[in-house]
Amino acid sequence: MVRYFGIHFLIKVFRSFQQDKSHRIRIIYTPKHCSWLNQVEVWFSILSRRVLKRGSFASKEMLRQRLFDFIDYFNEVLAKPFKWTYKGRPLCA
């Protein structure tokens, strides 16, 4: 994921990749204040550290089952709201 680049830079890069249809890069602009996206990254980091990092899986089905088991465990035991730390000005509609 590419973040914190100016939109003009991303447009320039995107146009250069548009020329060749074999490129499979998807560029998505996310503003710096997307704290909700950071919280999603935190959750996937927890999942990676607790399940995937040292895991050994004999099949895709075993991996799938371990992931669902962890999600159930997380929701029952560990789930709590992530602490919102954005201190900037309120977003206006």
N, C-alpha and C. Protein backbone atom coordinates (compact mmCIF):
# COMPACT_ATOMS: atom_id res chain seq x y z
N MET A 1 0.84 -1.15 0.00
CA MET A 1 0.00 0.00 0.00
C MET A 1 0.90 1.23 0.00
N VAL A 2 0.61 2.16 -0.85
CA VAL A 2 1.37 3.39 -0.94
C VAL A 2 0.54 4.48 -0.30
N ARG A 3 1.14 5.20 0.65
CA ARG A 3 0.42 6.28 1.31
C ARG A 3 1.30 7.52 1.37
N TYR A 4 0.66 8.64 1.62
CA TYR A 4 1.33 9.89 1.89
C TYR A 4 2.11 10.47 0.71
N PHE A 5 1.71 10.13 -0.50
CA PHE A 5 2.27 10.79 -1.66
C PHE A 5 1.25 11.79 -2.16
N GLY A 6 1.73 12.84 -2.79
CA GLY A 6 0.81 13.81 -3.34
C GLY A 6 0.02 13.21 -4.49
N ILE A 7 -1.18 13.70 -4.69
CA ILE A 7 -2.06 13.18 -5.72
C ILE A 7 -1.46 13.39 -7.10
N HIS A 8 -0.73 14.48 -7.30
CA HIS A 8 -0.12 14.73 -8.61
C HIS A 8 0.92 13.68 -8.94
N PHE A 9 1.68 13.27 -7.95
CA PHE A 9 2.67 12.20 -8.14
C PHE A 9 1.97 10.91 -8.53
N LEU A 10 0.89 10.59 -7.84
CA LEU A 10 0.17 9.35 -8.11
C LEU A 10 -0.45 9.34 -9.50
N ILE A 11 -0.96 10.48 -9.92
CA ILE A 11 -1.54 10.57 -11.27
C ILE A 11 -0.46 10.33 -12.31
N LYS A 12 0.70 10.91 -12.11
CA LYS A 12 1.81 10.72 -13.05
C LYS A 12 2.22 9.24 -13.12
N VAL A 13 2.34 8.60 -11.97
CA VAL A 13 2.71 7.19 -11.94
C VAL A 13 1.61 6.35 -12.58
N PHE A 14 0.37 6.64 -12.25
CA PHE A 14 -0.74 5.87 -12.80
C PHE A 14 -0.78 5.96 -14.32
N ARG A 15 -0.59 7.15 -14.85
CA ARG A 15 -0.60 7.32 -16.31
C ARG A 15 0.51 6.51 -16.97
N SER A 16 1.68 6.46 -16.35
CA SER A 16 2.76 5.68 -16.93
C SER A 16 2.44 4.19 -16.93
N PHE A 17 1.74 3.71 -15.93
CA PHE A 17 1.36 2.30 -15.88
C PHE A 17 0.15 2.00 -16.75
N GLN A 18 -0.66 3.00 -17.04
CA GLN A 18 -1.82 2.80 -17.88
C GLN A 18 -1.42 2.40 -19.30
N GLN A 19 -0.26 2.83 -19.72
CA GLN A 19 0.18 2.56 -21.09
C GLN A 19 0.33 1.07 -21.35
N ASP A 20 0.78 0.32 -20.36
CA ASP A 20 1.03 -1.10 -20.52
C ASP A 20 -0.06 -1.88 -19.79
N LYS A 21 -0.91 -2.58 -20.52
CA LYS A 21 -2.05 -3.29 -19.93
C LYS A 21 -1.63 -4.52 -19.12
N SER A 22 -0.36 -4.94 -19.23
CA SER A 22 0.07 -6.12 -18.48
C SER A 22 0.37 -5.80 -17.01
N HIS A 23 0.48 -4.52 -16.67
CA HIS A 23 0.73 -4.15 -15.27
C HIS A 23 -0.51 -4.40 -14.44
N ARG A 24 -0.31 -4.95 -13.27
CA ARG A 24 -1.42 -5.28 -12.38
C ARG A 24 -1.34 -4.46 -11.09
N ILE A 25 -0.93 -3.24 -11.18
CA ILE A 25 -0.80 -2.38 -10.01
C ILE A 25 -2.05 -1.52 -9.88
N ARG A 26 -2.57 -1.48 -8.67
CA ARG A 26 -3.74 -0.67 -8.39
C ARG A 26 -3.33 0.43 -7.43
N ILE A 27 -3.51 1.67 -7.82
CA ILE A 27 -3.11 2.80 -7.00
C ILE A 27 -4.37 3.42 -6.39
N ILE A 28 -4.36 3.51 -5.06
CA ILE A 28 -5.49 4.08 -4.34
C ILE A 28 -4.96 5.20 -3.45
N TYR A 29 -5.52 6.38 -3.58
CA TYR A 29 -5.11 7.51 -2.76
C TYR A 29 -5.85 7.46 -1.44
N THR A 30 -5.10 7.45 -0.34
CA THR A 30 -5.71 7.52 0.98
C THR A 30 -5.15 8.74 1.71
N PRO A 31 -6.00 9.64 2.13
CA PRO A 31 -5.54 10.83 2.85
C PRO A 31 -4.86 10.47 4.16
N LYS A 32 -4.03 11.36 4.65
CA LYS A 32 -3.29 11.13 5.90
C LYS A 32 -4.20 10.94 7.10
N HIS A 33 -5.39 11.51 7.04
CA HIS A 33 -6.28 11.45 8.20
C HIS A 33 -7.16 10.21 8.22
N CYS A 34 -6.85 9.21 7.43
CA CYS A 34 -7.66 7.97 7.39
C CYS A 34 -7.31 7.07 8.56
N SER A 35 -7.59 7.52 9.75
CA SER A 35 -7.26 6.74 10.93
C SER A 35 -8.00 5.41 10.97
N TRP A 36 -9.18 5.34 10.38
CA TRP A 36 -9.91 4.08 10.35
C TRP A 36 -9.11 3.02 9.60
N LEU A 37 -8.39 3.44 8.55
CA LEU A 37 -7.58 2.50 7.80
C LEU A 37 -6.41 2.01 8.65
N ASN A 38 -5.85 2.88 9.46
CA ASN A 38 -4.78 2.48 10.36
C ASN A 38 -5.28 1.43 11.35
N GLN A 39 -6.52 1.54 11.81
CA GLN A 39 -7.06 0.57 12.75
C GLN A 39 -7.23 -0.80 12.08
N VAL A 40 -7.58 -0.80 10.80
CA VAL A 40 -7.68 -2.06 10.06
C VAL A 40 -6.29 -2.69 9.95
N GLU A 41 -5.28 -1.87 9.69
CA GLU A 41 -3.91 -2.37 9.62
C GLU A 41 -3.47 -2.96 10.97
N VAL A 42 -3.87 -2.34 12.06
CA VAL A 42 -3.53 -2.85 13.39
C VAL A 42 -4.15 -4.23 13.58
N TRP A 43 -5.41 -4.39 13.18
CA TRP A 43 -6.06 -5.68 13.36
C TRP A 43 -5.37 -6.77 12.54
N PHE A 44 -5.02 -6.46 11.29
CA PHE A 44 -4.32 -7.45 10.48
C PHE A 44 -2.93 -7.75 11.02
N SER A 45 -2.31 -6.78 11.67
CA SER A 45 -1.02 -7.01 12.31
C SER A 45 -1.18 -8.00 13.47
N ILE A 46 -2.23 -7.85 14.26
CA ILE A 46 -2.51 -8.79 15.35
C ILE A 46 -2.74 -10.18 14.79
N LEU A 47 -3.54 -10.27 13.75
CA LEU A 47 -3.81 -11.56 13.10
C LEU A 47 -2.52 -12.19 12.59
N SER A 48 -1.69 -11.40 11.97
CA SER A 48 -0.42 -11.91 11.43
C SER A 48 0.50 -12.43 12.53
N ARG A 49 0.64 -11.65 13.61
CA ARG A 49 1.54 -12.05 14.70
C ARG A 49 1.04 -13.27 15.44
N ARG A 50 -0.25 -13.36 15.67
CA ARG A 50 -0.78 -14.43 16.51
C ARG A 50 -1.11 -15.72 15.77
N VAL A 51 -1.35 -15.63 14.46
CA VAL A 51 -1.76 -16.82 13.72
C VAL A 51 -0.79 -17.19 12.61
N LEU A 52 -0.41 -16.23 11.81
CA LEU A 52 0.31 -16.55 10.58
C LEU A 52 1.82 -16.64 10.72
N LYS A 53 2.40 -15.82 11.59
CA LYS A 53 3.86 -15.68 11.62
C LYS A 53 4.59 -17.01 11.84
N ARG A 54 4.22 -17.75 12.82
CA ARG A 54 4.91 -19.01 13.12
C ARG A 54 4.02 -20.22 12.85
N GLY A 55 2.94 -19.99 12.12
CA GLY A 55 1.99 -21.06 11.86
C GLY A 55 2.48 -22.04 10.80
N SER A 56 2.06 -23.26 10.94
CA SER A 56 2.35 -24.30 9.96
C SER A 56 1.01 -24.93 9.58
N PHE A 57 0.68 -24.87 8.32
CA PHE A 57 -0.63 -25.32 7.87
C PHE A 57 -0.45 -26.36 6.77
N ALA A 58 -1.07 -27.50 6.95
CA ALA A 58 -0.94 -28.60 5.99
C ALA A 58 -1.80 -28.40 4.75
N SER A 59 -2.81 -27.56 4.87
CA SER A 59 -3.70 -27.35 3.73
C SER A 59 -4.34 -25.97 3.84
N LYS A 60 -4.96 -25.54 2.76
CA LYS A 60 -5.69 -24.27 2.78
C LYS A 60 -6.87 -24.34 3.75
N GLU A 61 -7.48 -25.51 3.82
CA GLU A 61 -8.62 -25.68 4.72
C GLU A 61 -8.19 -25.53 6.19
N MET A 62 -7.01 -26.06 6.52
CA MET A 62 -6.50 -25.92 7.88
C MET A 62 -6.21 -24.44 8.19
N LEU A 63 -5.63 -23.74 7.24
CA LEU A 63 -5.37 -22.31 7.40
C LEU A 63 -6.68 -21.56 7.59
N ARG A 64 -7.65 -21.87 6.74
CA ARG A 64 -8.96 -21.22 6.83
C ARG A 64 -9.58 -21.45 8.21
N GLN A 65 -9.52 -22.69 8.69
CA GLN A 65 -10.11 -23.02 9.99
C GLN A 65 -9.40 -22.28 11.11
N ARG A 66 -8.08 -22.21 11.08
CA ARG A 66 -7.32 -21.48 12.11
C ARG A 66 -7.68 -20.00 12.11
N LEU A 67 -7.85 -19.43 10.92
CA LEU A 67 -8.22 -18.02 10.83
C LEU A 67 -9.60 -17.78 11.45
N PHE A 68 -10.56 -18.62 11.10
CA PHE A 68 -11.91 -18.46 11.66
C PHE A 68 -11.92 -18.72 13.16
N ASP A 69 -11.15 -19.69 13.62
CA ASP A 69 -11.05 -19.94 15.06
C ASP A 69 -10.48 -18.74 15.79
N PHE A 70 -9.43 -18.13 15.22
CA PHE A 70 -8.84 -16.96 15.85
C PHE A 70 -9.83 -15.80 15.86
N ILE A 71 -10.55 -15.60 14.77
CA ILE A 71 -11.52 -14.51 14.72
C ILE A 71 -12.59 -14.70 15.79
N ASP A 72 -13.08 -15.93 15.94
CA ASP A 72 -14.06 -16.20 17.00
C ASP A 72 -13.47 -15.94 18.38
N TYR A 73 -12.24 -16.41 18.62
CA TYR A 73 -11.57 -16.18 19.90
C TYR A 73 -11.37 -14.69 20.14
N PHE A 74 -10.89 -13.99 19.13
CA PHE A 74 -10.66 -12.55 19.26
C PHE A 74 -11.95 -11.82 19.62
N ASN A 75 -13.02 -12.15 18.93
CA ASN A 75 -14.30 -11.48 19.18
C ASN A 75 -14.85 -11.76 20.57
N GLU A 76 -14.61 -12.97 21.09
CA GLU A 76 -15.15 -13.33 22.40
C GLU A 76 -14.27 -12.83 23.55
N VAL A 77 -12.95 -12.85 23.37
CA VAL A 77 -12.04 -12.60 24.49
C VAL A 77 -11.30 -11.26 24.38
N LEU A 78 -10.79 -10.95 23.24
CA LEU A 78 -9.89 -9.81 23.11
C LEU A 78 -10.52 -8.54 22.56
N ALA A 79 -11.64 -8.66 21.92
CA ALA A 79 -12.22 -7.52 21.20
C ALA A 79 -12.59 -6.39 22.15
N LYS A 80 -12.12 -5.24 21.82
CA LYS A 80 -12.50 -3.99 22.48
C LYS A 80 -12.24 -2.89 21.48
N PRO A 81 -12.89 -1.77 21.64
CA PRO A 81 -12.68 -0.69 20.68
C PRO A 81 -11.21 -0.25 20.67
N PHE A 82 -10.68 -0.04 19.48
CA PHE A 82 -9.34 0.52 19.38
C PHE A 82 -9.38 1.96 19.86
N LYS A 83 -8.33 2.38 20.49
CA LYS A 83 -8.28 3.76 21.00
C LYS A 83 -8.09 4.71 19.83
N TRP A 84 -9.02 5.63 19.67
CA TRP A 84 -8.97 6.61 18.61
C TRP A 84 -8.00 7.71 19.02
N THR A 85 -6.97 7.95 18.23
CA THR A 85 -5.94 8.89 18.64
C THR A 85 -5.87 10.14 17.76
N TYR A 86 -6.78 10.27 16.82
CA TYR A 86 -6.75 11.44 15.93
C TYR A 86 -7.08 12.70 16.72
N LYS A 87 -6.16 13.64 16.74
CA LYS A 87 -6.35 14.87 17.51
C LYS A 87 -6.52 16.10 16.64
N GLY A 88 -6.57 15.90 15.34
CA GLY A 88 -6.68 17.02 14.41
C GLY A 88 -8.04 17.69 14.45
N ARG A 89 -8.25 18.56 13.53
CA ARG A 89 -9.54 19.26 13.50
C ARG A 89 -10.64 18.32 13.05
N PRO A 90 -11.85 18.53 13.51
CA PRO A 90 -12.97 17.65 13.14
C PRO A 90 -13.21 17.70 11.64
N LEU A 91 -13.62 16.55 11.09
CA LEU A 91 -13.94 16.50 9.67
C LEU A 91 -15.30 17.14 9.45
N CYS A 92 -15.40 17.95 8.44
CA CYS A 92 -16.65 18.65 8.14
C CYS A 92 -17.25 18.11 6.85
N ALA A 93 -18.55 17.96 6.84
CA ALA A 93 -19.23 17.45 5.63
C ALA A 93 -19.55 18.57 4.68
